Each structure stands twice: as structure tokens, then as C-alpha cells.
Amino acid sequence: MKIPLLRFALLLVSPALLPATTLVEVAAKPAGPWKTQETRTLDDLPAAVAAKTDAALDRYGGRTDRRGKATGFFHVEQIGGRWWLIDPDGGCFVHKGVVSVAPLRTPGAQAIFKVKYGSDEAWAAQTMSLLQDHGFNGTGAWSDTTKLRAAPQPPAYTLIWNFMSAYGKKRGGTFQQPGHTGYPKDCIFVFDPEFEAFCHEHAQQLAATKDDPRLLGHFTDNELPFKREALANYLTFPVADPGHQAALQWLRARHGAAATAGDITEQDKQDFLGVVVGRYFEIVTRAIRRVDPQHLVLGSRLHGAALRFPEVFKAAGVHLDVVAVNYYNAWTPVPERMAMWAAESGKPFIITEWYAKGMDSGMANTTGAGWTVKTQADRGRFYENFTLGLLQSRACVGWHWFKYADNDPSDAKADPSNTDSNKGIVNNRYAPFPPLLAAMKRINERAYGIIDHFDGATSGANP
């Protein structure tokens, strides 16, 4: 049964409980226009909350004072109206991670790597210390988990498998777009009869980590084009194409044997997109669970227009354990949107990409979807503002900052969205950004206490 949206919205703390006292100048691109954004920081919370860091954490970074069921693997539970990740030892857990934690590949970066670290083992140990010293407990997509798992303090990590894009590469027809793989007419190949068999074969790789308790879960793809134009677009394919056949059969089952693209209604667009999303997640999730039934399935990192579409989250929630969202173009997370994600899916969500770029970094900052700000301190203020908004939501179970290292303009193989921008917690020669990291540490080390403050303010009593 569909959970009423209002019921979930009421589980979100009113923004009035966390007034903003800081203003930050923000632009979408370095050329502007620049606008002033109200920005909430830790200093806007009661002094007692801001002063207290989270203590007595378990070996994964979960709580020892609030617990779920210890299963030996990460899973999710809803406790007292809030969704939690539950770590393998049973601790209530929020995943605070960084994306693409991996050595850089350009000659200039490799030269610095050799001097600064000397070995992969030293890099992994020092990098995990950097993350954990600033309150992070895990890593996001595209991280070098082989090296990091061997560190003295390994992370709670995620893996990304690219089921659809790998199939598309083998099949043919895909192309590079900034930030993700492109598909003909924004139509994925989910109706190809060969796709399911490919997924089952592709998933055999998951056997290598299926017993690792530090594996949080699996991403299936990145930023697939879930568009409401899908029904009409599949019908533009050649008649023999499986996507065309599936779309036409679905349309005629609704509107009769003579139905054409001209008969498509707005409701048809939404319902068919739900069919596409549901079929994709059903196939890839079944393939994953056949090999690895122990770990969470996190989905394909939803993005763009799909974040506004209830039908996408409803279809995703049938199959996923946690819904992964790449959340851009919002300075502050929108409570009503987060409420919709939770209400439609019936599952928690995790933010798997977001960032801001600083103009004091020396980078051009022309590429990428993140905000542009003036300074590293402003990047830190954005981190505080955004994570406080996430912690207010009782359905958010974590976030992954994009990303570990700045773009290296000398990297000729870089994705078009990752060529010249200040996105990292370190620059492209491994030097950290202290003002950003200091702000990250402030929130990360107080996340559980902040949750208790928000939940207590909502209910009128501490949980």
C-alpha cells in the first residue's frame, strides 16, 4: 500500500528549528551570476549539541548506544520512525563517505605520489587516517577498494558494477556524455532479451567480496537516463528493435490494436517509465542476489529529472534496499522532495554525489554540476548546510562527497565533466584543503548527536 506523502513529510524537522545565520555567495559557474544563499552551520545549533562529539563508536563507526539486529553484514532497519543503516555488529550507522578515493594516474601526480607516499600501502594507510581523522567512515563509488581494504583501518566501502553500461559497450550504441554513459534517445537496452543473461554472467564478479562484512553494498550503474519521453522514444527505433516492440505492445494493450505514438497520454509516459525502471532493477537485483544475497543493493545513482518523478522511486523501492541519489542544483536539501523519495519507495536513501568548487583553488572550475563558491571555507559551510539538511530527514542514511582529489587538467582520459575543477578534499597533488576538512570534521564527528537533537525536537522528547 502506498504510504501517504504527508505522513513522511511530518517526519522531517521544520527548517525553522535550524535558522540560518550565515550568507555565502554562490554561482552555478565561475562567470556567475553570483547569488547570496542562506547557509546553516553547526554554530546555529544549541551550544550543547555543537560541543559534544559522538563517542564510544564501534569498529565500523556505528553507535554503541543505539542498536539494531547484528547480522554480520550491513542492512537497514526503521527504528522509532527513522531509517538507519545497521552495521555488522548491530550499531545504528550513518555512512559518511568520499567518492573516488584512489591514486591519480597522471605523470605529475604519480611523481608526487612516489615522494609523498612511496608505496600503495603507505598511501592507503595515510589516506584512511586522513578520512577517519575527519569523521569519515567509508568510501563511495570508484574507490580503489583493493588498496584501501588492506589498510590498518579499512573503510565501509561500496562497489559499482555498471551492468547496463557494460552491456551497452558489448552490444554497441552507447557513447560518452559528461558524467555518465549516453544511450540512443535516452533509452536503455532493458528490453533486449540478451540483457538478463549478460547480467547473470557479469554478476559473477561479486563472488570475490560476498563474505566481506565491510562491504556496505552494490551500485548497479551510474546516472541512467530515466526520462518520461521513454515511451515515445522507444517507438522511434526500428520496428524489429526489442525496445520498439515492448513499447508498442504496452501502448496497444492500453489503447487498442491501432494505437500509435500520437495516442500517448501524460499518464502513459509516467506509467511506462515505471515499467522501464522496474524491469531494470528487477533484472540487475536478481543477478546480484543470486551471487551475493548478503549485501545491500543501492541502485543506479539516480539523478537529474528522475529525482522529481514519483514513479521512478516507486519502481526502485520494490527491488532496492537503499535508493542512491546524486543530488545537484540544491544548496539546501528540499524536505518535500526527500519526503517524496521515502514515501514512494518505502525505503531509505543515500546521497551519493554532491560538492562545491572553490575559486581560491587556482582551478578554472568550468566543468561539473556542483556549485561554485569563493573560498575553501565556503565549501566547508556548504558541507555543513547540506548535511544538516540531510540529518533532519529521517530517511537519509548517509552521504558521499564528490570527491577525493581535484581534477587534473593534464589527464587526457578524464570524463568531460572532470577536467578542471576543485572537487576534492585534496588537490591533484595530494595536498589537503584544511578549511573544508575542518568543517567536514565538525559535522561528521557529531552526526549522531545532531540526529538525536533533531528527532527530540520533532517528538518533543529525546528518543
Protein backbone atom coordinates (compact mmCIF):
# COMPACT_ATOMS: atom_id res chain seq x y z
CA MET A 1 0.00 0.00 0.00
CA LYS A 2 1.29 3.46 -0.84
CA ILE A 3 2.46 5.38 2.24
CA PRO A 4 0.91 8.88 2.30
CA LEU A 5 3.40 11.58 1.39
CA LEU A 6 2.16 13.81 4.20
CA ARG A 7 2.98 11.15 6.78
CA PHE A 8 6.62 11.14 5.69
CA ALA A 9 6.75 14.92 5.39
CA LEU A 10 5.72 15.20 9.03
CA LEU A 11 8.77 13.14 9.98
CA LEU A 12 11.01 15.93 8.73
CA VAL A 13 12.08 18.65 11.13
CA SER A 14 10.82 22.09 10.23
CA PRO A 15 13.64 24.29 8.85
CA ALA A 16 12.54 26.86 11.45
CA LEU A 17 14.16 24.68 14.09
CA LEU A 18 17.52 25.34 12.46
CA PRO A 19 17.73 29.04 11.49
CA ALA A 20 20.48 30.15 9.11
CA THR A 21 22.79 32.91 10.28
CA THR A 22 25.47 32.76 7.56
CA LEU A 23 25.35 34.10 3.99
CA VAL A 24 27.51 32.59 1.22
CA GLU A 25 27.98 33.86 -2.34
CA VAL A 26 27.19 31.05 -4.78
CA ALA A 27 27.18 30.61 -8.56
CA ALA A 28 26.47 27.74 -10.93
CA LYS A 29 29.58 28.64 -12.96
CA PRO A 30 32.59 30.90 -12.30
CA ALA A 31 31.21 33.57 -14.64
CA GLY A 32 28.16 33.94 -12.42
CA PRO A 33 25.66 35.29 -11.76
CA TRP A 34 26.54 35.18 -8.07
CA LYS A 35 23.71 34.96 -5.56
CA THR A 36 23.66 35.03 -1.78
CA GLN A 37 22.45 31.84 -0.12
CA GLU A 38 21.34 31.48 3.47
CA THR A 39 23.58 28.83 4.96
CA ARG A 40 23.13 26.88 8.18
CA THR A 41 26.15 25.65 10.11
CA LEU A 42 26.88 23.83 13.32
CA ASP A 43 27.00 27.20 15.08
CA ASP A 44 23.25 27.53 14.55
CA LEU A 45 22.56 24.55 16.80
CA PRO A 46 22.30 24.77 20.58
CA ALA A 47 25.73 25.08 22.17
CA ALA A 48 25.38 21.77 23.98
CA VAL A 49 24.77 19.92 20.71
CA ALA A 50 27.63 21.69 18.91
CA ALA A 51 30.06 20.99 21.73
CA LYS A 52 29.52 17.24 22.02
CA THR A 53 31.27 14.81 19.67
CA ASP A 54 29.99 11.27 19.13
CA ALA A 55 31.75 8.86 21.49
CA ALA A 56 32.01 5.11 22.06
CA LEU A 57 31.64 4.11 18.43
CA ASP A 58 32.08 0.52 17.35
CA ARG A 59 34.76 -0.71 14.96
CA TYR A 60 32.70 0.27 11.89
CA GLY A 61 31.84 3.75 13.16
CA GLY A 62 28.34 2.82 14.30
CA ARG A 63 26.67 3.69 17.57
CA THR A 64 27.04 1.55 20.66
CA ASP A 65 24.17 3.30 22.47
CA ARG A 66 21.53 2.66 19.78
CA ARG A 67 21.37 -0.71 18.15
CA GLY A 68 19.54 -2.90 15.70
CA LYS A 69 20.00 -6.58 14.90
CA ALA A 70 23.59 -7.79 14.48
CA THR A 71 23.64 -9.93 11.32
CA GLY A 72 27.33 -9.79 10.37
CA PHE A 73 26.54 -7.57 7.36
CA PHE A 74 25.17 -4.09 6.76
CA HIS A 75 21.40 -3.91 6.45
CA VAL A 76 18.64 -1.34 7.06
CA GLU A 77 16.04 -1.01 9.79
CA GLN A 78 13.43 1.60 10.62
CA ILE A 79 13.56 2.35 14.35
CA GLY A 80 11.32 4.89 16.03
CA GLY A 81 10.31 6.45 12.71
CA ARG A 82 13.91 6.88 11.46
CA TRP A 83 15.72 4.74 8.92
CA TRP A 84 19.17 3.52 9.87
CA LEU A 85 21.92 1.51 8.31
CA ILE A 86 22.77 -1.21 10.82
CA ASP A 87 26.42 -2.20 10.80
CA PRO A 88 27.56 -5.83 11.06
CA ASP A 89 27.88 -5.59 14.85
CA GLY A 90 24.38 -4.13 15.20
CA GLY A 91 25.25 -0.45 15.63
CA CYS A 92 22.98 2.23 14.16
CA PHE A 93 25.15 3.73 11.44
CA VAL A 94 25.27 6.69 9.04
CA HIS A 95 27.61 6.19 6.08
CA LYS A 96 29.82 9.27 5.73
CA GLY A 97 31.97 8.68 2.67
CA VAL A 98 34.03 10.16 -0.13
CA VAL A 99 33.81 9.17 -3.81
CA SER A 100 36.75 8.09 -5.99
CA VAL A 101 39.28 7.55 -3.22
CA ALA A 102 42.06 6.35 -5.50
CA PRO A 103 45.54 7.41 -6.63
CA LEU A 104 45.67 9.79 -9.58
CA ARG A 105 47.06 8.49 -12.87
CA THR A 106 48.81 11.47 -14.48
CA PRO A 107 52.63 11.61 -14.55
CA GLY A 108 52.73 14.76 -12.39
CA ALA A 109 50.52 13.22 -9.73
CA GLN A 110 52.42 9.94 -9.84
CA ALA A 111 55.70 11.75 -9.23
CA ILE A 112 54.27 13.40 -6.11
CA PHE A 113 52.74 10.09 -5.01
CA LYS A 114 56.17 8.45 -5.12
CA VAL A 115 57.74 11.17 -2.97
CA LYS A 116 54.84 11.64 -0.54
CA TYR A 117 53.85 8.01 -0.01
CA GLY A 118 56.44 5.74 -1.60
CA SER A 119 54.10 2.76 -1.83
CA ASP A 120 50.46 1.81 -2.30
CA GLU A 121 50.36 0.53 1.27
CA ALA A 122 51.55 3.85 2.69
CA TRP A 123 49.05 5.77 0.55
CA ALA A 124 46.19 3.57 1.74
CA ALA A 125 47.16 3.86 5.40
CA GLN A 126 47.67 7.63 5.29
CA THR A 127 44.55 8.23 3.23
CA MET A 128 42.38 6.20 5.59
CA SER A 129 43.88 8.14 8.50
CA LEU A 130 43.00 11.41 6.75
CA LEU A 131 39.42 10.28 6.23
CA GLN A 132 38.92 8.86 9.70
CA ASP A 133 40.61 11.79 11.41
CA HIS A 134 37.90 13.95 9.84
CA GLY A 135 34.99 11.73 10.77
CA PHE A 136 34.51 9.75 7.57
CA ASN A 137 33.80 6.04 7.92
CA GLY A 138 33.59 4.86 4.32
CA THR A 139 34.12 5.29 0.61
CA GLY A 140 31.83 5.78 -2.35
CA ALA A 141 31.91 4.63 -5.95
CA TRP A 142 35.10 4.28 -8.00
CA SER A 143 37.38 3.98 -4.99
CA ASP A 144 40.44 1.74 -5.01
CA THR A 145 38.99 -0.76 -2.58
CA THR A 146 41.73 -3.31 -3.22
CA LYS A 147 44.34 -0.97 -1.74
CA LEU A 148 42.08 0.51 0.94
CA ARG A 149 40.83 -2.84 2.26
CA ALA A 150 44.44 -3.69 3.11
CA ALA A 151 44.89 -0.57 5.27
CA PRO A 152 45.15 -0.94 9.06
CA GLN A 153 41.76 0.78 9.39
CA PRO A 154 39.75 -0.23 6.27
CA PRO A 155 36.56 1.62 5.28
CA ALA A 156 32.97 0.57 4.96
CA TYR A 157 33.07 0.57 1.18
CA THR A 158 30.79 0.39 -1.84
CA LEU A 159 31.28 -1.11 -5.29
CA ILE A 160 29.86 -0.02 -8.65
CA TRP A 161 29.26 -2.63 -11.37
CA ASN A 162 27.85 -0.78 -14.42
CA PHE A 163 25.54 -3.56 -15.57
CA MET A 164 23.79 -1.54 -18.25
CA SER A 165 26.78 0.46 -19.48
CA ALA A 166 28.93 -2.68 -19.66
CA TYR A 167 26.21 -4.41 -21.64
CA GLY A 168 25.91 -1.37 -23.89
CA LYS A 169 29.63 -1.36 -24.53
CA LYS A 170 29.46 -5.00 -25.58
CA ARG A 171 26.26 -4.52 -27.59
CA GLY A 172 27.19 -1.22 -29.19
CA GLY A 173 25.26 2.02 -29.38
CA THR A 174 26.40 3.81 -26.23
CA PHE A 175 28.54 6.95 -26.13
CA GLN A 176 30.24 9.22 -23.60
CA GLN A 177 28.34 12.11 -22.07
CA PRO A 178 29.63 14.41 -19.34
CA GLY A 179 29.41 12.41 -16.13
CA HIS A 180 27.85 9.24 -17.48
CA THR A 181 27.21 6.91 -20.42
CA GLY A 182 24.80 8.03 -23.13
CA TYR A 183 22.16 5.83 -24.77
CA PRO A 184 20.26 6.23 -28.05
CA LYS A 185 17.32 8.60 -27.49
CA ASP A 186 17.97 8.21 -23.73
CA CYS A 187 16.62 4.66 -23.92
CA ILE A 188 18.45 1.91 -22.06
CA PHE A 189 18.55 -1.61 -23.51
CA VAL A 190 16.43 -3.15 -20.79
CA PHE A 191 14.13 -4.97 -23.23
CA ASP A 192 16.95 -6.73 -25.08
CA PRO A 193 16.47 -10.47 -24.49
CA GLU A 194 20.25 -10.83 -24.03
CA PHE A 195 20.46 -8.30 -21.20
CA GLU A 196 19.33 -10.62 -18.40
CA ALA A 197 21.80 -13.37 -19.31
CA PHE A 198 24.56 -10.75 -19.51
CA CYS A 199 23.72 -9.52 -16.01
CA HIS A 200 23.88 -13.00 -14.51
CA GLU A 201 27.29 -13.55 -16.07
CA HIS A 202 28.51 -10.05 -15.13
CA ALA A 203 27.45 -10.57 -11.53
CA GLN A 204 29.85 -13.50 -11.05
CA GLN A 205 32.48 -10.88 -10.17
CA LEU A 206 30.62 -10.17 -6.93
CA ALA A 207 31.63 -13.55 -5.51
CA ALA A 208 35.05 -12.17 -4.53
CA THR A 209 33.59 -9.89 -1.81
CA LYS A 210 30.35 -11.64 -0.92
CA ASP A 211 31.59 -12.58 2.56
CA ASP A 212 33.27 -9.26 3.44
CA PRO A 213 31.43 -7.55 6.33
CA ARG A 214 32.98 -4.17 5.45
CA LEU A 215 31.23 -4.09 2.08
CA LEU A 216 28.22 -1.82 2.54
CA GLY A 217 26.59 -2.58 -0.79
CA HIS A 218 26.47 -2.52 -4.57
CA PHE A 219 25.70 0.24 -7.06
CA THR A 220 24.26 -1.21 -10.24
CA ASP A 221 25.07 1.67 -12.65
CA ASN A 222 25.60 5.43 -12.72
CA GLU A 223 23.03 8.04 -13.75
CA LEU A 224 20.87 6.10 -16.17
CA PRO A 225 18.54 8.25 -18.31
CA PHE A 226 15.16 7.65 -16.71
CA LYS A 227 13.08 10.08 -18.78
CA ARG A 228 9.33 10.40 -19.27
CA GLU A 229 9.93 10.58 -23.01
CA ALA A 230 10.96 6.91 -22.95
CA LEU A 231 7.70 5.52 -24.39
CA ALA A 232 7.72 7.82 -27.41
CA ASN A 233 11.47 7.45 -27.88
CA TYR A 234 11.43 3.65 -27.94
CA LEU A 235 8.79 3.89 -30.67
CA THR A 236 11.22 5.80 -32.91
CA PHE A 237 13.53 2.77 -33.03
CA PRO A 238 13.32 0.31 -35.96
CA VAL A 239 10.28 -1.95 -35.77
CA ALA A 240 12.41 -5.04 -35.09
CA ASP A 241 14.16 -3.44 -32.11
CA PRO A 242 13.12 -5.12 -28.82
CA GLY A 243 12.54 -1.74 -27.22
CA HIS A 244 10.19 -0.68 -30.01
CA GLN A 245 8.31 -3.96 -29.78
CA ALA A 246 7.94 -3.74 -26.00
CA ALA A 247 6.76 -0.13 -26.11
CA LEU A 248 4.25 -0.77 -28.89
CA GLN A 249 2.85 -3.87 -27.20
CA TRP A 250 2.44 -1.95 -23.93
CA LEU A 251 0.78 1.03 -25.64
CA ARG A 252 -1.66 -1.12 -27.63
CA ALA A 253 -2.59 -3.12 -24.54
CA ARG A 254 -3.80 0.21 -23.16
CA HIS A 255 -5.29 1.94 -26.16
CA GLY A 256 -6.16 -0.77 -28.65
CA ALA A 257 -4.54 -2.53 -31.59
CA ALA A 258 -4.43 0.61 -33.73
CA ALA A 259 -2.71 2.82 -31.14
CA THR A 260 0.30 4.91 -32.22
CA ALA A 261 2.65 7.40 -30.61
CA GLY A 262 0.01 10.06 -31.11
CA ASP A 263 -2.20 8.35 -28.53
CA ILE A 264 0.32 8.65 -25.70
CA THR A 265 -1.04 10.46 -22.65
CA GLU A 266 0.83 12.04 -19.78
CA GLN A 267 -0.23 9.14 -17.56
CA ASP A 268 1.12 6.71 -20.14
CA LYS A 269 4.50 8.45 -20.02
CA GLN A 270 4.71 8.13 -16.26
CA ASP A 271 3.47 4.55 -16.10
CA PHE A 272 5.75 3.29 -18.85
CA LEU A 273 8.77 4.92 -17.23
CA GLY A 274 7.86 2.96 -14.12
CA VAL A 275 7.87 -0.20 -16.23
CA VAL A 276 11.35 0.60 -17.58
CA VAL A 277 12.78 1.38 -14.15
CA GLY A 278 11.14 -1.62 -12.53
CA ARG A 279 12.32 -4.04 -15.22
CA TYR A 280 15.89 -2.74 -14.98
CA PHE A 281 16.05 -3.02 -11.19
CA GLU A 282 14.33 -6.41 -11.16
CA ILE A 283 16.90 -7.88 -13.57
CA VAL A 284 20.05 -6.45 -12.01
CA THR A 285 18.94 -7.05 -8.42
CA ARG A 286 18.09 -10.68 -9.16
CA ALA A 287 21.52 -11.13 -10.73
CA ILE A 288 23.25 -9.59 -7.72
CA ARG A 289 21.33 -11.58 -5.13
CA ARG A 290 21.93 -14.86 -6.91
CA VAL A 291 25.66 -14.39 -6.24
CA ASP A 292 25.64 -12.14 -3.15
CA PRO A 293 22.45 -12.24 -1.08
CA GLN A 294 24.15 -10.74 1.98
CA HIS A 295 24.86 -7.16 0.91
CA LEU A 296 22.70 -4.14 0.18
CA VAL A 297 21.59 -3.27 -3.35
CA LEU A 298 21.84 0.51 -3.70
CA GLY A 299 20.68 1.03 -7.28
CA SER A 300 21.93 3.13 -10.16
CA ARG A 301 22.61 6.52 -8.52
CA LEU A 302 19.53 8.41 -9.70
CA HIS A 303 20.00 11.96 -10.98
CA GLY A 304 18.54 14.90 -12.83
CA ALA A 305 14.86 14.98 -13.75
CA ALA A 306 14.32 11.50 -12.30
CA LEU A 307 14.56 12.99 -8.81
CA ARG A 308 11.22 14.70 -9.43
CA PHE A 309 9.40 11.58 -10.66
CA PRO A 310 7.46 9.57 -8.06
CA GLU A 311 7.13 6.64 -10.46
CA VAL A 312 10.92 6.18 -10.53
CA PHE A 313 11.16 5.90 -6.75
CA LYS A 314 8.09 3.69 -6.51
CA ALA A 315 9.55 1.22 -9.01
CA ALA A 316 13.01 1.37 -7.44
CA GLY A 317 11.69 0.72 -3.96
CA VAL A 318 10.22 -2.63 -4.96
CA HIS A 319 13.70 -4.03 -5.55
CA LEU A 320 16.34 -1.92 -3.79
CA ASP A 321 17.40 -1.86 -0.15
CA VAL A 322 18.54 1.78 -0.28
CA VAL A 323 17.92 4.30 -3.08
CA ALA A 324 21.10 6.10 -4.20
CA VAL A 325 20.68 9.72 -5.31
CA ASN A 326 23.19 12.10 -6.92
CA TYR A 327 21.76 15.40 -5.66
CA TYR A 328 22.78 18.58 -7.50
CA ASN A 329 21.28 22.04 -8.03
CA ALA A 330 20.14 22.36 -4.43
CA TRP A 331 22.07 24.49 -1.93
CA THR A 332 19.89 23.04 0.83
CA PRO A 333 18.16 19.64 0.52
CA VAL A 334 14.45 20.17 -0.13
CA PRO A 335 12.39 18.49 2.64
CA GLU A 336 9.37 17.88 0.41
CA ARG A 337 11.49 16.18 -2.23
CA MET A 338 13.22 13.92 0.28
CA ALA A 339 9.82 13.08 1.76
CA MET A 340 8.59 12.04 -1.68
CA TRP A 341 11.61 9.78 -2.24
CA ALA A 342 10.93 7.97 1.04
CA ALA A 343 7.16 7.84 0.67
CA GLU A 344 7.15 6.47 -2.87
CA SER A 345 9.98 3.98 -2.44
CA GLY A 346 9.21 2.91 1.10
CA LYS A 347 13.00 2.72 1.54
CA PRO A 348 15.77 4.98 2.88
CA PHE A 349 18.01 6.96 0.57
CA ILE A 350 21.70 7.82 0.48
CA ILE A 351 23.19 10.87 -1.27
CA THR A 352 26.00 9.57 -3.47
CA GLU A 353 27.27 12.76 -5.17
CA TRP A 354 27.31 16.46 -4.24
CA TYR A 355 30.03 19.08 -3.90
CA ALA A 356 31.08 22.71 -4.27
CA LYS A 357 34.15 24.17 -6.01
CA GLY A 358 36.28 26.97 -4.57
CA MET A 359 37.61 29.84 -6.67
CA ASP A 360 40.63 30.18 -4.37
CA SER A 361 41.94 26.79 -5.52
CA GLY A 362 43.54 28.05 -8.73
CA MET A 363 41.30 25.76 -10.79
CA ALA A 364 39.18 27.04 -13.68
CA ASN A 365 36.07 25.30 -12.28
CA THR A 366 34.19 25.30 -15.59
CA THR A 367 33.22 21.61 -15.56
CA GLY A 368 30.93 19.61 -13.33
CA ALA A 369 27.48 20.06 -11.82
CA GLY A 370 28.47 21.27 -8.35
CA TRP A 371 28.15 24.80 -7.01
CA THR A 372 30.92 27.40 -7.33
CA VAL A 373 31.87 29.39 -4.21
CA LYS A 374 34.61 31.88 -3.41
CA THR A 375 36.73 30.03 -0.82
CA GLN A 376 37.53 26.70 0.78
CA ALA A 377 35.84 27.97 3.93
CA ASP A 378 32.67 28.47 1.86
CA ARG A 379 32.97 24.90 0.58
CA GLY A 380 33.02 23.85 4.22
CA ARG A 381 29.97 25.95 5.01
CA PHE A 382 28.13 24.28 2.15
CA TYR A 383 29.06 20.88 3.57
CA GLU A 384 27.65 21.84 6.95
CA ASN A 385 24.48 23.32 5.47
CA PHE A 386 23.79 20.35 3.21
CA THR A 387 24.50 17.62 5.75
CA LEU A 388 22.39 19.33 8.41
CA GLY A 389 19.51 19.22 5.95
CA LEU A 390 20.13 15.52 5.34
CA LEU A 391 20.33 14.74 9.04
CA GLN A 392 16.94 16.38 9.52
CA SER A 393 15.42 13.80 7.21
CA ARG A 394 14.54 10.56 8.95
CA ALA A 395 15.03 8.67 5.68
CA CYS A 396 18.63 9.64 4.85
CA VAL A 397 21.20 7.02 5.90
CA GLY A 398 24.35 8.69 4.62
CA TRP A 399 26.21 10.77 2.07
CA HIS A 400 29.24 10.56 -0.24
CA TRP A 401 31.12 13.79 -1.07
CA PHE A 402 32.31 14.01 -4.67
CA LYS A 403 35.28 13.52 -4.49
CA TYR A 404 38.70 12.63 -3.05
CA ALA A 405 41.04 14.58 -5.36
CA ASP A 406 40.69 17.62 -7.61
CA ASN A 407 40.55 17.14 -11.36
CA ASP A 408 43.95 17.04 -13.02
CA PRO A 409 43.78 19.10 -16.25
CA SER A 410 46.65 17.03 -17.69
CA ASP A 411 44.52 13.86 -17.63
CA ALA A 412 43.66 13.33 -21.28
CA LYS A 413 41.40 10.37 -20.46
CA ALA A 414 39.20 12.20 -17.97
CA ASP A 415 35.43 12.27 -18.29
CA PRO A 416 34.34 15.63 -19.83
CA SER A 417 32.78 16.64 -16.51
CA ASN A 418 36.04 16.06 -14.62
CA THR A 419 38.71 18.15 -16.33
CA ASP A 420 39.44 21.39 -14.49
CA SER A 421 37.57 21.70 -11.21
CA ASN A 422 38.20 21.87 -7.47
CA LYS A 423 36.08 18.99 -6.20
CA GLY A 424 38.45 17.20 -3.87
CA ILE A 425 39.28 17.14 -0.20
CA VAL A 426 42.86 17.12 -1.53
CA ASN A 427 44.22 18.82 -4.62
CA ASN A 428 45.60 16.96 -7.61
CA ARG A 429 49.00 16.79 -5.91
CA TYR A 430 47.60 15.29 -2.68
CA ALA A 431 47.67 18.47 -0.57
CA PRO A 432 44.58 18.66 1.73
CA PHE A 433 42.22 21.65 1.96
CA PRO A 434 42.21 22.36 5.74
CA PRO A 435 39.20 24.77 5.90
CA LEU A 436 36.98 22.30 4.05
CA LEU A 437 38.17 19.33 6.08
CA ALA A 438 37.72 21.22 9.36
CA ALA A 439 34.06 21.83 8.54
CA MET A 440 33.58 18.22 7.47
CA LYS A 441 35.06 17.06 10.77
CA ARG A 442 32.71 19.30 12.77
CA ILE A 443 29.61 17.66 11.32
CA ASN A 444 30.90 14.13 10.82
CA GLU A 445 32.03 13.74 14.43
CA ARG A 446 28.67 15.00 15.76
CA ALA A 447 26.26 13.37 13.31
CA TYR A 448 24.60 11.03 15.79
CA GLY A 449 24.15 13.73 18.42
CA ILE A 450 22.69 16.04 15.78
CA ILE A 451 20.23 13.30 14.80
CA ASP A 452 19.16 12.92 18.41
CA HIS A 453 18.70 16.68 18.69
CA PHE A 454 16.54 16.85 15.57
CA ASP A 455 14.49 13.78 16.48
CA GLY A 456 13.97 15.09 20.00
CA ALA A 457 12.87 18.47 18.66
CA THR A 458 10.36 16.73 16.39
CA SER A 459 8.84 14.48 19.02
CA GLY A 460 9.10 16.86 21.92
CA ALA A 461 11.42 14.50 23.78
CA ASN A 462 14.76 12.88 23.20
CA PRO A 463 14.45 9.47 21.53
